[in-house]
Amino acid sequence: MPSLYYIVIILRNGRFAEHRRGQNGLRIMSLIEIAFFVINLIFLLWILQLKMRVDKLEDEKRSQPPEPEALTVRDLRHLQKSLADLVRNVEEYTESQLAKMRLQTETLRILCDRLESKLRELEEPPIPRSEVDGGTRVIPLSSKQNSSRHKDRDKIIELHRRGWPMEKIAEELRITRGEVQLIVNLS
């Protein structure tokens, strides 16, 4: 700041002026020096205030979301096509997953049915096999059983409706193929 003062003095006098010193040896400032000092101070404060405003505006600009670019009809059509593809892909994936879940549910249902039939077999006493008949089963009639109704009739009919072959039903329920065929024909 004193450099500005010296420039003014040089311009006014054409040379450096002698500085006056007070009684205690300190330099005494003239009125012009004080005015230049105050003006320099005002300019400095004004510049600092401008700098603070610029910083504040930059911060506000950074915090605002960027303005979207104008979308053309071509851009909108491309976006629409992309969204339609996405929806189709999600629907296909969902359908495939649902099909897998249906298949797994049906498999679990069949396994549960098999497990129930095995549990029923374990609860009932074993049926003796005749060695003379070549391994065919002999089913003893008791007064408790109705001879016209087979114990696995409902199960046989249900498995047949599901498309099971008669050999598989007989194997699963451990009865003869003839029994299965008879019950299916009678139902």
Protein backbone atom coordinates (compact mmCIF):
# COMPACT_ATOMS: atom_id res chain seq x y z
CA MET A 1 0.00 0.00 0.00
CA PRO A 2 2.78 2.48 0.64
CA SER A 3 3.95 1.80 -2.92
CA LEU A 4 0.74 3.43 -4.21
CA TYR A 5 1.48 6.40 -1.99
CA TYR A 6 4.99 6.77 -3.38
CA ILE A 7 3.67 6.63 -6.91
CA VAL A 8 1.31 9.52 -6.16
CA ILE A 9 4.11 11.51 -4.52
CA ILE A 10 6.40 10.93 -7.49
CA LEU A 11 3.68 12.05 -9.85
CA ARG A 12 2.96 15.16 -7.76
CA ASN A 13 6.50 16.28 -6.92
CA GLY A 14 8.59 14.35 -9.33
CA ARG A 15 10.69 13.09 -6.41
CA PHE A 16 10.35 11.37 -3.06
CA ALA A 17 9.25 13.68 -0.32
CA GLU A 18 10.98 13.76 2.99
CA HIS A 19 8.99 12.15 5.76
CA ARG A 20 8.49 14.12 8.89
CA ARG A 21 9.21 12.51 12.20
CA GLY A 22 7.55 13.31 15.47
CA GLN A 23 9.15 13.84 18.88
CA ASN A 24 9.36 10.15 19.69
CA GLY A 25 10.92 9.35 16.31
CA LEU A 26 7.81 7.92 14.70
CA ARG A 27 6.87 8.97 11.23
CA ILE A 28 3.89 11.31 11.03
CA MET A 29 1.48 10.59 8.16
CA SER A 30 0.13 13.46 6.17
CA LEU A 31 -3.54 13.87 5.40
CA ILE A 32 -3.06 12.62 1.84
CA GLU A 33 -1.33 9.48 3.09
CA ILE A 34 -4.19 8.80 5.48
CA ALA A 35 -6.75 9.32 2.69
CA PHE A 36 -4.88 6.92 0.39
CA PHE A 37 -4.61 4.40 3.21
CA VAL A 38 -8.36 4.59 3.86
CA ILE A 39 -9.13 4.29 0.13
CA ASN A 40 -6.83 1.28 -0.15
CA LEU A 41 -8.53 -0.29 2.87
CA ILE A 42 -11.97 0.32 1.34
CA PHE A 43 -10.85 -1.23 -1.95
CA LEU A 44 -9.44 -4.23 -0.09
CA LEU A 45 -12.69 -4.78 1.82
CA TRP A 46 -14.69 -4.37 -1.39
CA ILE A 47 -12.53 -6.95 -3.17
CA LEU A 48 -12.90 -9.39 -0.24
CA GLN A 49 -16.67 -8.93 -0.28
CA LEU A 50 -16.78 -9.59 -4.05
CA LYS A 51 -14.68 -12.72 -3.56
CA MET A 52 -17.10 -13.96 -0.88
CA ARG A 53 -20.09 -13.34 -3.19
CA VAL A 54 -18.41 -15.22 -6.04
CA ASP A 55 -17.66 -18.16 -3.72
CA LYS A 56 -21.26 -18.18 -2.48
CA LEU A 57 -22.62 -18.17 -6.05
CA GLU A 58 -20.29 -21.02 -7.03
CA ASP A 59 -21.46 -23.05 -4.02
CA GLU A 60 -25.10 -22.45 -4.95
CA LYS A 61 -24.45 -23.46 -8.52
CA ARG A 62 -22.73 -26.68 -7.42
CA SER A 63 -25.61 -27.58 -5.07
CA GLN A 64 -28.29 -27.15 -7.75
CA PRO A 65 -29.03 -30.14 -9.96
CA PRO A 66 -27.93 -29.74 -13.52
CA GLU A 67 -30.61 -28.66 -15.93
CA PRO A 68 -31.74 -31.51 -18.13
CA GLU A 69 -30.94 -31.33 -21.76
CA ALA A 70 -33.85 -31.04 -24.10
CA LEU A 71 -34.95 -34.48 -25.29
CA THR A 72 -35.70 -34.99 -28.94
CA VAL A 73 -38.48 -37.16 -30.34
CA ARG A 74 -35.83 -39.69 -31.38
CA ASP A 75 -34.50 -39.83 -27.83
CA LEU A 76 -38.00 -40.34 -26.43
CA ARG A 77 -38.74 -43.15 -28.92
CA HIS A 78 -35.47 -44.84 -28.03
CA LEU A 79 -36.31 -44.52 -24.32
CA GLN A 80 -39.80 -45.94 -24.93
CA LYS A 81 -38.37 -48.91 -26.84
CA SER A 82 -35.81 -49.56 -24.09
CA LEU A 83 -38.49 -49.47 -21.41
CA ALA A 84 -40.74 -51.82 -23.43
CA ASP A 85 -37.82 -54.26 -23.79
CA LEU A 86 -37.14 -54.06 -20.08
CA VAL A 87 -40.78 -54.75 -19.19
CA ARG A 88 -40.87 -57.71 -21.62
CA ASN A 89 -37.65 -59.15 -20.15
CA VAL A 90 -38.98 -58.81 -16.59
CA GLU A 91 -42.25 -60.50 -17.56
CA GLU A 92 -40.43 -63.38 -19.28
CA TYR A 93 -38.14 -63.86 -16.31
CA THR A 94 -41.08 -63.77 -13.90
CA GLU A 95 -43.02 -66.32 -15.95
CA SER A 96 -40.02 -68.66 -16.14
CA GLN A 97 -39.50 -68.42 -12.40
CA LEU A 98 -43.20 -69.07 -11.77
CA ALA A 99 -43.07 -72.13 -14.04
CA LYS A 100 -40.09 -73.46 -12.11
CA MET A 101 -41.90 -72.85 -8.83
CA ARG A 102 -45.04 -74.64 -10.10
CA LEU A 103 -42.94 -77.62 -11.17
CA GLN A 104 -41.17 -77.72 -7.81
CA THR A 105 -44.51 -77.45 -6.00
CA GLU A 106 -45.95 -80.35 -7.99
CA THR A 107 -42.83 -82.42 -7.32
CA LEU A 108 -43.08 -81.67 -3.61
CA ARG A 109 -46.77 -82.61 -3.63
CA ILE A 110 -45.96 -85.96 -5.25
CA LEU A 111 -43.15 -86.57 -2.76
CA CYS A 112 -45.50 -85.75 0.13
CA ASP A 113 -48.07 -88.20 -1.25
CA ARG A 114 -45.41 -90.89 -1.50
CA LEU A 115 -44.26 -90.15 2.02
CA GLU A 116 -47.82 -90.39 3.34
CA SER A 117 -48.34 -93.73 1.62
CA LYS A 118 -45.06 -95.04 3.04
CA LEU A 119 -46.07 -93.86 6.50
CA ARG A 120 -49.43 -95.65 6.15
CA GLU A 121 -47.58 -98.80 5.13
CA LEU A 122 -45.35 -98.56 8.18
CA GLU A 123 -48.38 -98.15 10.44
CA GLU A 124 -50.13 -101.24 8.99
CA PRO A 125 -48.83 -104.76 9.66
CA PRO A 126 -47.01 -106.35 6.71
CA ILE A 127 -49.06 -108.56 4.40
CA PRO A 128 -47.66 -112.11 4.12
CA ARG A 129 -46.60 -113.32 0.67
CA SER A 130 -47.32 -116.77 -0.54
CA GLU A 131 -44.38 -118.73 -1.83
CA VAL A 132 -46.68 -121.06 -3.79
CA ASP A 133 -48.20 -118.30 -5.96
CA GLY A 134 -44.83 -117.18 -7.24
CA GLY A 135 -44.54 -114.07 -5.07
CA THR A 136 -48.04 -112.65 -5.55
CA ARG A 137 -49.64 -111.11 -2.56
CA VAL A 138 -52.40 -112.69 -0.60
CA ILE A 139 -54.72 -110.20 0.97
CA PRO A 140 -56.60 -111.69 3.88
CA LEU A 141 -60.17 -110.54 4.29
CA SER A 142 -61.20 -109.38 7.67
CA SER A 143 -64.58 -108.46 9.02
CA LYS A 144 -63.38 -104.87 9.46
CA GLN A 145 -62.52 -104.33 5.76
CA ASN A 146 -65.08 -103.74 3.06
CA SER A 147 -64.12 -106.19 0.32
CA SER A 148 -65.53 -103.98 -2.46
CA ARG A 149 -63.28 -101.00 -1.62
CA HIS A 150 -59.48 -101.16 -2.08
CA LYS A 151 -57.44 -99.29 0.57
CA ASP A 152 -55.44 -97.31 -2.05
CA ARG A 153 -58.38 -96.76 -4.45
CA ASP A 154 -58.33 -92.94 -4.18
CA LYS A 155 -54.56 -92.82 -4.52
CA ILE A 156 -54.60 -95.06 -7.60
CA ILE A 157 -57.28 -92.95 -9.29
CA GLU A 158 -55.45 -89.72 -8.48
CA LEU A 159 -52.12 -90.98 -9.84
CA HIS A 160 -53.83 -92.30 -12.97
CA ARG A 161 -55.44 -88.89 -13.56
CA ARG A 162 -52.02 -87.29 -13.25
CA GLY A 163 -50.85 -89.45 -16.14
CA TRP A 164 -48.84 -92.09 -14.31
CA PRO A 165 -48.55 -95.42 -16.18
CA MET A 166 -50.18 -98.42 -14.48
CA GLU A 167 -46.82 -100.14 -13.97
CA LYS A 168 -45.44 -97.16 -12.03
CA ILE A 169 -48.59 -96.91 -9.88
CA ALA A 170 -48.38 -100.61 -9.06
CA GLU A 171 -44.68 -100.32 -8.26
CA GLU A 172 -45.20 -97.21 -6.10
CA LEU A 173 -48.09 -98.67 -4.08
CA ARG A 174 -46.62 -102.21 -4.09
CA ILE A 175 -49.65 -103.84 -5.61
CA THR A 176 -50.12 -105.83 -8.79
CA ARG A 177 -50.75 -104.25 -12.16
CA GLY A 178 -54.03 -106.15 -12.37
CA GLU A 179 -55.30 -104.52 -9.18
CA VAL A 180 -54.45 -101.09 -10.59
CA GLN A 181 -56.14 -101.88 -13.90
CA LEU A 182 -59.26 -103.21 -12.16
CA ILE A 183 -59.65 -100.13 -9.95
CA VAL A 184 -59.04 -97.78 -12.91
CA ASN A 185 -61.60 -99.65 -15.05
CA LEU A 186 -64.19 -99.61 -12.25
CA SER A 187 -63.81 -95.92 -11.51
